N, C-alpha and C. Protein backbone atom coordinates (compact mmCIF):
# COMPACT_ATOMS: atom_id res chain seq x y z
N MET A 1 -8.35 -8.44 -25.73
CA MET A 1 -7.49 -8.58 -24.59
C MET A 1 -6.75 -9.91 -24.66
N ARG A 2 -6.71 -10.50 -25.80
CA ARG A 2 -6.04 -11.78 -25.99
C ARG A 2 -4.55 -11.64 -25.69
N GLY A 3 -4.02 -12.56 -24.89
CA GLY A 3 -2.60 -12.58 -24.59
C GLY A 3 -2.18 -11.65 -23.45
N GLU A 4 -3.09 -10.82 -22.96
CA GLU A 4 -2.75 -9.92 -21.87
C GLU A 4 -3.00 -10.60 -20.53
N VAL A 5 -2.17 -10.26 -19.56
CA VAL A 5 -2.31 -10.81 -18.22
C VAL A 5 -2.73 -9.67 -17.30
N ALA A 6 -3.72 -9.91 -16.46
CA ALA A 6 -4.16 -8.90 -15.51
C ALA A 6 -3.02 -8.56 -14.55
N MET A 7 -2.80 -7.27 -14.34
CA MET A 7 -1.75 -6.82 -13.43
C MET A 7 -2.24 -6.90 -12.00
N ALA A 8 -1.29 -7.13 -11.11
CA ALA A 8 -1.62 -7.18 -9.68
C ALA A 8 -2.03 -5.79 -9.20
N ARG A 9 -3.08 -5.77 -8.40
CA ARG A 9 -3.56 -4.51 -7.81
C ARG A 9 -4.28 -4.88 -6.51
N PHE A 10 -3.71 -4.45 -5.41
CA PHE A 10 -4.31 -4.69 -4.11
C PHE A 10 -4.50 -3.35 -3.41
N GLU A 11 -5.65 -3.18 -2.77
CA GLU A 11 -5.93 -1.96 -2.04
C GLU A 11 -6.23 -2.28 -0.58
N ALA A 12 -5.95 -1.29 0.27
CA ALA A 12 -6.29 -1.41 1.69
C ALA A 12 -6.59 -0.02 2.24
N LEU A 13 -7.36 0.02 3.30
CA LEU A 13 -7.65 1.26 4.02
C LEU A 13 -7.29 1.04 5.48
N ILE A 14 -6.58 2.00 6.05
CA ILE A 14 -6.18 1.95 7.45
C ILE A 14 -6.78 3.16 8.14
N THR A 15 -7.32 2.95 9.33
CA THR A 15 -7.88 4.05 10.09
C THR A 15 -7.80 3.73 11.58
N PRO A 16 -7.67 4.66 12.49
CA PRO A 16 -7.43 6.08 12.26
C PRO A 16 -5.95 6.37 12.05
N VAL A 17 -5.68 7.29 11.17
CA VAL A 17 -4.31 7.72 10.90
C VAL A 17 -4.28 9.24 10.97
N ALA A 18 -3.37 9.78 11.75
CA ALA A 18 -3.25 11.23 11.86
C ALA A 18 -2.29 11.75 10.80
N ASP A 19 -2.68 12.83 10.16
CA ASP A 19 -1.81 13.50 9.20
C ASP A 19 -0.70 14.18 10.00
N GLY A 20 0.52 14.08 9.57
CA GLY A 20 1.56 14.80 10.29
C GLY A 20 2.92 14.16 10.21
N GLN A 21 3.80 14.69 11.06
CA GLN A 21 5.20 14.29 11.05
C GLN A 21 5.40 12.82 11.40
N ALA A 22 4.59 12.28 12.29
CA ALA A 22 4.77 10.88 12.70
C ALA A 22 4.56 9.95 11.52
N LEU A 23 3.53 10.20 10.72
CA LEU A 23 3.27 9.37 9.55
C LEU A 23 4.38 9.55 8.51
N CYS A 24 4.80 10.78 8.28
CA CYS A 24 5.90 11.04 7.33
C CYS A 24 7.16 10.32 7.77
N ALA A 25 7.47 10.38 9.05
CA ALA A 25 8.67 9.72 9.57
C ALA A 25 8.56 8.20 9.41
N ALA A 26 7.37 7.65 9.67
CA ALA A 26 7.17 6.21 9.53
C ALA A 26 7.39 5.78 8.08
N LEU A 27 6.84 6.54 7.14
CA LEU A 27 7.01 6.20 5.72
C LEU A 27 8.46 6.32 5.29
N GLU A 28 9.16 7.34 5.78
CA GLU A 28 10.59 7.50 5.46
C GLU A 28 11.38 6.30 5.99
N GLN A 29 11.07 5.88 7.21
CA GLN A 29 11.77 4.75 7.82
C GLN A 29 11.50 3.45 7.06
N ILE A 30 10.26 3.23 6.67
CA ILE A 30 9.90 2.03 5.91
C ILE A 30 10.63 2.04 4.57
N ALA A 31 10.60 3.17 3.88
CA ALA A 31 11.27 3.28 2.58
C ALA A 31 12.75 2.98 2.70
N GLN A 32 13.38 3.55 3.72
CA GLN A 32 14.82 3.34 3.92
C GLN A 32 15.12 1.87 4.21
N SER A 33 14.33 1.25 5.07
CA SER A 33 14.60 -0.15 5.43
C SER A 33 14.35 -1.09 4.24
N TRP A 34 13.48 -0.71 3.32
CA TRP A 34 13.19 -1.52 2.14
C TRP A 34 14.09 -1.19 0.96
N GLY A 35 14.88 -0.12 1.07
CA GLY A 35 15.68 0.32 -0.08
C GLY A 35 14.80 0.86 -1.19
N ALA A 36 13.69 1.46 -0.81
CA ALA A 36 12.72 1.98 -1.78
C ALA A 36 12.89 3.48 -1.94
N ALA A 37 12.45 3.99 -3.07
CA ALA A 37 12.44 5.43 -3.31
C ALA A 37 11.08 5.98 -2.89
N LEU A 38 11.08 6.90 -1.91
CA LEU A 38 9.84 7.53 -1.45
C LEU A 38 9.74 8.90 -2.09
N THR A 39 8.62 9.16 -2.75
CA THR A 39 8.38 10.45 -3.40
C THR A 39 7.07 11.01 -2.87
N TRP A 40 7.13 12.24 -2.36
CA TRP A 40 5.90 12.92 -1.95
C TRP A 40 5.35 13.64 -3.17
N LEU A 41 4.17 13.23 -3.62
CA LEU A 41 3.55 13.82 -4.80
C LEU A 41 2.90 15.15 -4.45
N ASP A 42 2.40 15.25 -3.25
CA ASP A 42 1.90 16.49 -2.64
C ASP A 42 1.84 16.21 -1.14
N ARG A 43 1.21 17.06 -0.37
CA ARG A 43 1.29 16.85 1.08
C ARG A 43 0.42 15.70 1.59
N ARG A 44 -0.42 15.12 0.74
CA ARG A 44 -1.30 14.03 1.17
C ARG A 44 -1.08 12.73 0.40
N ASN A 45 -0.19 12.73 -0.58
CA ASN A 45 0.01 11.55 -1.43
C ASN A 45 1.49 11.24 -1.59
N ALA A 46 1.83 9.97 -1.42
CA ALA A 46 3.22 9.54 -1.56
C ALA A 46 3.28 8.27 -2.40
N SER A 47 4.45 8.04 -2.97
CA SER A 47 4.68 6.86 -3.79
C SER A 47 5.98 6.21 -3.34
N LEU A 48 5.93 4.89 -3.15
CA LEU A 48 7.12 4.09 -2.86
C LEU A 48 7.37 3.21 -4.07
N ASP A 49 8.56 3.31 -4.64
CA ASP A 49 8.92 2.48 -5.78
C ASP A 49 10.07 1.57 -5.38
N LEU A 50 9.91 0.27 -5.65
CA LEU A 50 10.96 -0.68 -5.31
C LEU A 50 10.93 -1.86 -6.27
N VAL A 51 11.97 -2.66 -6.19
CA VAL A 51 12.05 -3.89 -6.97
C VAL A 51 12.13 -5.04 -5.97
N SER A 52 11.22 -6.00 -6.12
CA SER A 52 11.17 -7.15 -5.22
C SER A 52 11.30 -8.41 -6.06
N GLY A 53 12.39 -9.14 -5.87
CA GLY A 53 12.60 -10.36 -6.64
C GLY A 53 12.62 -10.11 -8.13
N GLY A 54 13.17 -8.97 -8.55
CA GLY A 54 13.23 -8.61 -9.96
C GLY A 54 11.95 -7.99 -10.50
N LEU A 55 10.93 -7.85 -9.65
CA LEU A 55 9.63 -7.32 -10.06
C LEU A 55 9.48 -5.87 -9.59
N PRO A 56 9.36 -4.90 -10.52
CA PRO A 56 9.09 -3.52 -10.11
C PRO A 56 7.69 -3.41 -9.49
N VAL A 57 7.63 -2.77 -8.33
CA VAL A 57 6.36 -2.63 -7.61
C VAL A 57 6.19 -1.17 -7.20
N LYS A 58 4.97 -0.67 -7.33
CA LYS A 58 4.64 0.69 -6.90
C LYS A 58 3.62 0.61 -5.78
N LEU A 59 3.91 1.34 -4.71
CA LEU A 59 2.98 1.44 -3.58
C LEU A 59 2.57 2.90 -3.48
N LEU A 60 1.29 3.16 -3.61
CA LEU A 60 0.77 4.52 -3.49
C LEU A 60 0.04 4.65 -2.16
N LEU A 61 0.29 5.77 -1.49
CA LEU A 61 -0.35 6.04 -0.20
C LEU A 61 -1.07 7.37 -0.29
N GLU A 62 -2.33 7.38 0.13
CA GLU A 62 -3.15 8.57 0.02
C GLU A 62 -3.85 8.85 1.34
N LEU A 63 -3.56 10.01 1.93
CA LEU A 63 -4.29 10.43 3.13
C LEU A 63 -5.62 10.98 2.67
N ARG A 64 -6.68 10.26 2.97
CA ARG A 64 -8.01 10.69 2.55
C ARG A 64 -8.63 11.56 3.62
N ARG A 65 -9.78 12.14 3.30
CA ARG A 65 -10.42 13.03 4.28
C ARG A 65 -10.67 12.27 5.58
N GLY A 66 -10.66 13.01 6.63
CA GLY A 66 -10.80 12.38 7.94
C GLY A 66 -9.48 11.75 8.35
N ASP A 67 -9.53 10.52 8.77
CA ASP A 67 -8.34 9.87 9.32
C ASP A 67 -8.04 8.55 8.62
N VAL A 68 -8.28 8.49 7.31
CA VAL A 68 -8.13 7.26 6.54
C VAL A 68 -6.90 7.34 5.64
N LEU A 69 -6.09 6.27 5.67
CA LEU A 69 -4.95 6.15 4.78
C LEU A 69 -5.27 5.07 3.76
N GLY A 70 -5.28 5.45 2.49
CA GLY A 70 -5.48 4.49 1.41
C GLY A 70 -4.14 3.97 0.94
N VAL A 71 -4.04 2.67 0.71
CA VAL A 71 -2.81 2.02 0.26
C VAL A 71 -3.13 1.24 -1.01
N LEU A 72 -2.33 1.43 -2.04
CA LEU A 72 -2.50 0.69 -3.29
C LEU A 72 -1.16 0.07 -3.67
N VAL A 73 -1.14 -1.23 -3.90
CA VAL A 73 0.05 -1.94 -4.36
C VAL A 73 -0.24 -2.41 -5.77
N SER A 74 0.63 -2.03 -6.71
CA SER A 74 0.44 -2.50 -8.09
C SER A 74 1.77 -2.94 -8.68
N SER A 75 1.67 -3.95 -9.55
CA SER A 75 2.85 -4.48 -10.23
C SER A 75 2.39 -5.18 -11.51
N ARG A 76 3.34 -5.64 -12.29
CA ARG A 76 3.02 -6.39 -13.50
C ARG A 76 2.90 -7.89 -13.23
N GLU A 77 2.94 -8.26 -11.96
CA GLU A 77 2.79 -9.67 -11.60
C GLU A 77 1.38 -10.14 -11.97
N GLY A 78 1.29 -11.29 -12.58
CA GLY A 78 0.00 -11.82 -13.01
C GLY A 78 -0.89 -12.21 -11.84
N MET A 79 -2.18 -11.96 -11.98
CA MET A 79 -3.14 -12.29 -10.94
C MET A 79 -3.62 -13.73 -11.02
N GLY A 80 -3.25 -14.45 -12.08
CA GLY A 80 -3.69 -15.83 -12.25
C GLY A 80 -3.36 -16.72 -11.06
N ALA A 81 -2.18 -16.51 -10.47
CA ALA A 81 -1.77 -17.30 -9.31
C ALA A 81 -1.94 -16.51 -8.01
N GLY A 82 -2.65 -15.38 -8.08
CA GLY A 82 -2.90 -14.59 -6.88
C GLY A 82 -1.85 -13.55 -6.57
N ALA A 83 -0.87 -13.35 -7.47
CA ALA A 83 0.18 -12.34 -7.30
C ALA A 83 0.83 -12.42 -5.92
N PRO A 84 1.46 -13.54 -5.58
CA PRO A 84 1.98 -13.73 -4.23
C PRO A 84 3.05 -12.71 -3.81
N GLN A 85 3.92 -12.29 -4.72
CA GLN A 85 4.95 -11.31 -4.34
C GLN A 85 4.31 -9.98 -3.98
N SER A 86 3.37 -9.53 -4.79
CA SER A 86 2.70 -8.25 -4.54
C SER A 86 1.88 -8.31 -3.25
N LYS A 87 1.20 -9.43 -3.03
CA LYS A 87 0.40 -9.59 -1.81
C LYS A 87 1.31 -9.61 -0.58
N LYS A 88 2.47 -10.24 -0.70
CA LYS A 88 3.42 -10.28 0.41
C LYS A 88 3.90 -8.87 0.76
N LEU A 89 4.14 -8.04 -0.26
CA LEU A 89 4.54 -6.65 0.01
C LEU A 89 3.43 -5.87 0.68
N LEU A 90 2.18 -6.09 0.27
CA LEU A 90 1.05 -5.44 0.95
C LEU A 90 1.02 -5.86 2.41
N ASP A 91 1.15 -7.16 2.67
CA ASP A 91 1.16 -7.65 4.05
C ASP A 91 2.27 -6.98 4.87
N GLN A 92 3.47 -6.91 4.30
CA GLN A 92 4.61 -6.31 5.00
C GLN A 92 4.38 -4.82 5.26
N LEU A 93 3.88 -4.10 4.25
CA LEU A 93 3.64 -2.67 4.42
C LEU A 93 2.59 -2.43 5.49
N LEU A 94 1.50 -3.17 5.46
CA LEU A 94 0.45 -2.99 6.47
C LEU A 94 0.97 -3.30 7.86
N ARG A 95 1.74 -4.37 7.99
CA ARG A 95 2.32 -4.73 9.29
C ARG A 95 3.20 -3.59 9.82
N GLU A 96 4.05 -3.05 8.95
CA GLU A 96 4.95 -1.98 9.40
C GLU A 96 4.20 -0.69 9.70
N LEU A 97 3.22 -0.35 8.88
CA LEU A 97 2.43 0.85 9.16
C LEU A 97 1.70 0.73 10.49
N LEU A 98 1.09 -0.43 10.74
CA LEU A 98 0.36 -0.62 12.00
C LEU A 98 1.30 -0.57 13.20
N ALA A 99 2.54 -0.99 13.03
CA ALA A 99 3.52 -0.92 14.12
C ALA A 99 3.91 0.52 14.43
N HIS A 100 3.83 1.41 13.43
CA HIS A 100 4.23 2.81 13.60
C HIS A 100 3.07 3.74 13.96
N VAL A 101 1.85 3.32 13.72
CA VAL A 101 0.70 4.20 13.92
C VAL A 101 -0.17 3.64 15.05
N PRO A 102 -0.13 4.28 16.21
CA PRO A 102 -0.89 3.79 17.36
C PRO A 102 -2.40 3.71 17.07
N ARG A 103 -3.03 2.65 17.52
CA ARG A 103 -4.49 2.43 17.44
C ARG A 103 -5.02 2.21 16.02
N ALA A 104 -4.17 2.25 15.02
CA ALA A 104 -4.66 2.07 13.64
C ALA A 104 -5.02 0.60 13.39
N GLN A 105 -6.01 0.40 12.54
CA GLN A 105 -6.45 -0.94 12.15
C GLN A 105 -6.74 -0.96 10.66
N VAL A 106 -6.61 -2.14 10.07
CA VAL A 106 -6.97 -2.30 8.67
C VAL A 106 -8.49 -2.40 8.60
N GLN A 107 -9.11 -1.46 7.91
CA GLN A 107 -10.56 -1.41 7.79
C GLN A 107 -11.03 -2.19 6.56
N PHE A 108 -10.19 -2.25 5.53
CA PHE A 108 -10.57 -2.88 4.26
C PHE A 108 -9.33 -3.41 3.56
N ARG A 109 -9.45 -4.59 2.96
CA ARG A 109 -8.41 -5.16 2.09
C ARG A 109 -9.11 -5.78 0.89
N SER A 110 -8.70 -5.39 -0.29
CA SER A 110 -9.37 -5.91 -1.49
C SER A 110 -9.18 -7.41 -1.66
N ASP A 111 -8.06 -7.96 -1.20
CA ASP A 111 -7.84 -9.40 -1.33
C ASP A 111 -8.68 -10.19 -0.33
N ARG A 112 -9.16 -9.54 0.70
CA ARG A 112 -9.96 -10.19 1.73
C ARG A 112 -11.45 -9.86 1.59
N ASP A 113 -11.75 -8.59 1.26
CA ASP A 113 -13.12 -8.09 1.32
C ASP A 113 -13.78 -7.88 -0.03
N GLY A 114 -13.06 -8.14 -1.11
CA GLY A 114 -13.61 -7.90 -2.44
C GLY A 114 -13.03 -6.63 -3.04
N PRO A 115 -13.24 -6.42 -4.32
CA PRO A 115 -12.56 -5.34 -5.02
C PRO A 115 -13.06 -3.93 -4.70
N ILE A 116 -14.26 -3.79 -4.15
CA ILE A 116 -14.82 -2.46 -3.93
C ILE A 116 -15.20 -2.29 -2.47
N PHE A 117 -14.70 -1.20 -1.86
CA PHE A 117 -15.02 -0.89 -0.47
C PHE A 117 -16.48 -0.48 -0.38
N GLN A 118 -17.23 -1.16 0.47
CA GLN A 118 -18.66 -0.91 0.61
C GLN A 118 -18.98 0.17 1.64
N GLY A 119 -18.01 0.52 2.48
CA GLY A 119 -18.25 1.53 3.50
C GLY A 119 -19.06 0.99 4.66
N VAL A 120 -19.29 1.88 5.60
CA VAL A 120 -20.08 1.50 6.77
C VAL A 120 -21.23 2.44 6.96
């Protein structure tokens, strides 16, 4: 692994999130305001692709069983300095999602809680 730099990867879980038109509309609105391409991979998984400060970033959203929304932000930004651009995008996405989804809260963040969700 000599010469390779660890890629940025941040995860978060938001709950409760209802599956449906309100969430789809919120994601469409966020994508449009960010100038991002939103792609629905199936009815429970979406991908937002954008470029931030010249850095390509992928945001994956997964409606998990129950009322949990999984969020993954990944980019080629190095983790040596904490990947500030990628972390900033995670912060912005979570802020906007929470503004659109009533009663939702961030249950887990890998940058805050460690790399693996321990559950409750």
